[in-house]
Amino acid sequence: MGLQRRGLSALVGWTSVTYGGNGMWNYDGGASLFWMGSMMVIFWGGVILLAVWAIRAITHSNRTGDPAMDTLRRRLAVGEISAEEFQETKKVLGKEL
């Protein structure tokens, strides 16, 4: 196609060139919008998931700050010690603190 004058371009003497029927950005009738929209959803979904993960990692409060009690709870959870041994050891550790 040739040069075409339109709107403001015609007033100031600028010319615009059209390339084929798809224009300068090679718009292909919707497929590019689908991919662009999909990538935007994936990107923002990832940003939100990363933010949630970071907040949960920072505010996670399962640990007591006492490594001995954490070890004692872990040993009880995996069955290395009984509930009675847990209570006895917890009392001993409480006296030491």
Protein backbone atom coordinates (compact mmCIF):
# COMPACT_ATOMS: atom_id res chain seq x y z
CA MET A 1 0.00 0.00 0.00
CA GLY A 2 1.11 3.50 -0.54
CA LEU A 3 1.48 6.49 1.74
CA GLN A 4 -1.72 7.73 3.35
CA ARG A 5 -2.46 11.06 5.03
CA ARG A 6 -4.85 11.01 7.98
CA GLY A 7 -5.92 13.28 10.84
CA LEU A 8 -3.21 15.35 12.49
CA SER A 9 -0.64 13.95 10.09
CA ALA A 10 -2.42 15.64 7.21
CA LEU A 11 -2.40 19.00 9.03
CA VAL A 12 1.32 19.01 9.83
CA GLY A 13 2.42 17.29 6.68
CA TRP A 14 3.55 14.03 8.26
CA THR A 15 2.86 10.85 6.44
CA SER A 16 2.17 7.40 7.76
CA VAL A 17 2.86 4.15 6.05
CA THR A 18 0.76 1.03 6.48
CA TYR A 19 2.37 -2.36 6.08
CA GLY A 20 0.00 -4.93 4.68
CA GLY A 21 -3.32 -5.35 6.44
CA ASN A 22 -1.96 -6.03 9.92
CA GLY A 23 -0.36 -2.69 10.71
CA MET A 24 2.98 -2.00 12.23
CA TRP A 25 2.67 -4.41 15.18
CA ASN A 26 1.68 -7.41 13.04
CA TYR A 27 -1.55 -7.96 14.98
CA ASP A 28 -2.76 -11.44 14.05
CA GLY A 29 -6.41 -11.31 14.98
CA GLY A 30 -6.46 -12.27 18.66
CA ALA A 31 -3.84 -14.95 19.19
CA SER A 32 -1.28 -12.41 20.38
CA LEU A 33 -3.81 -10.97 22.85
CA PHE A 34 -4.46 -14.47 24.17
CA TRP A 35 -0.75 -15.12 24.78
CA MET A 36 -0.15 -11.68 26.22
CA GLY A 37 -3.10 -12.09 28.60
CA SER A 38 -1.96 -15.58 29.59
CA MET A 39 1.58 -14.41 30.33
CA MET A 40 0.24 -11.49 32.38
CA VAL A 41 -1.88 -13.85 34.51
CA ILE A 42 1.10 -16.20 35.00
CA PHE A 43 3.42 -13.30 35.89
CA TRP A 44 1.07 -11.68 38.44
CA GLY A 45 0.12 -15.08 39.85
CA GLY A 46 3.81 -15.77 40.43
CA VAL A 47 4.31 -12.39 42.08
CA ILE A 48 1.36 -13.01 44.41
CA LEU A 49 2.55 -16.54 45.28
CA LEU A 50 6.05 -15.24 45.99
CA ALA A 51 4.64 -12.53 48.27
CA VAL A 52 2.46 -15.05 50.15
CA TRP A 53 5.41 -17.42 50.55
CA ALA A 54 7.65 -14.61 51.85
CA ILE A 55 5.06 -13.40 54.35
CA ARG A 56 4.42 -16.91 55.64
CA ALA A 57 8.16 -17.58 55.95
CA ILE A 58 8.67 -14.40 57.95
CA THR A 59 5.68 -14.80 60.25
CA HIS A 60 5.85 -18.58 60.72
CA SER A 61 5.73 -19.09 64.49
CA ASN A 62 5.92 -22.85 65.08
CA ARG A 63 9.34 -22.58 66.64
CA THR A 64 9.69 -21.58 70.25
CA GLY A 65 13.15 -20.16 69.96
CA ASP A 66 14.43 -22.93 72.22
CA PRO A 67 16.37 -25.54 70.23
CA ALA A 68 16.17 -28.11 73.05
CA MET A 69 12.36 -27.96 73.12
CA ASP A 70 12.21 -28.10 69.33
CA THR A 71 14.35 -31.25 69.36
CA LEU A 72 12.23 -32.73 72.13
CA ARG A 73 9.01 -32.08 70.17
CA ARG A 74 10.54 -33.56 67.01
CA ARG A 75 11.61 -36.72 68.89
CA LEU A 76 8.09 -37.10 70.32
CA ALA A 77 6.55 -36.61 66.87
CA VAL A 78 8.65 -39.33 65.22
CA GLY A 79 8.14 -41.74 68.14
CA GLU A 80 11.65 -41.81 69.56
CA ILE A 81 10.32 -41.00 73.04
CA SER A 82 6.98 -41.57 74.80
CA ALA A 83 4.64 -38.88 76.09
CA GLU A 84 5.77 -39.60 79.66
CA GLU A 85 9.44 -39.15 78.73
CA PHE A 86 8.50 -35.94 76.94
CA GLN A 87 6.78 -34.54 80.04
CA GLU A 88 9.68 -35.53 82.34
CA THR A 89 12.29 -34.02 80.05
CA LYS A 90 10.18 -30.88 79.58
CA LYS A 91 10.06 -30.42 83.38
CA VAL A 92 13.84 -30.84 83.61
CA LEU A 93 14.41 -28.37 80.79
CA GLY A 94 11.98 -25.92 82.41
CA LYS A 95 14.00 -25.97 85.65
CA GLU A 96 17.21 -25.21 83.75
CA LEU A 97 15.73 -22.16 82.04
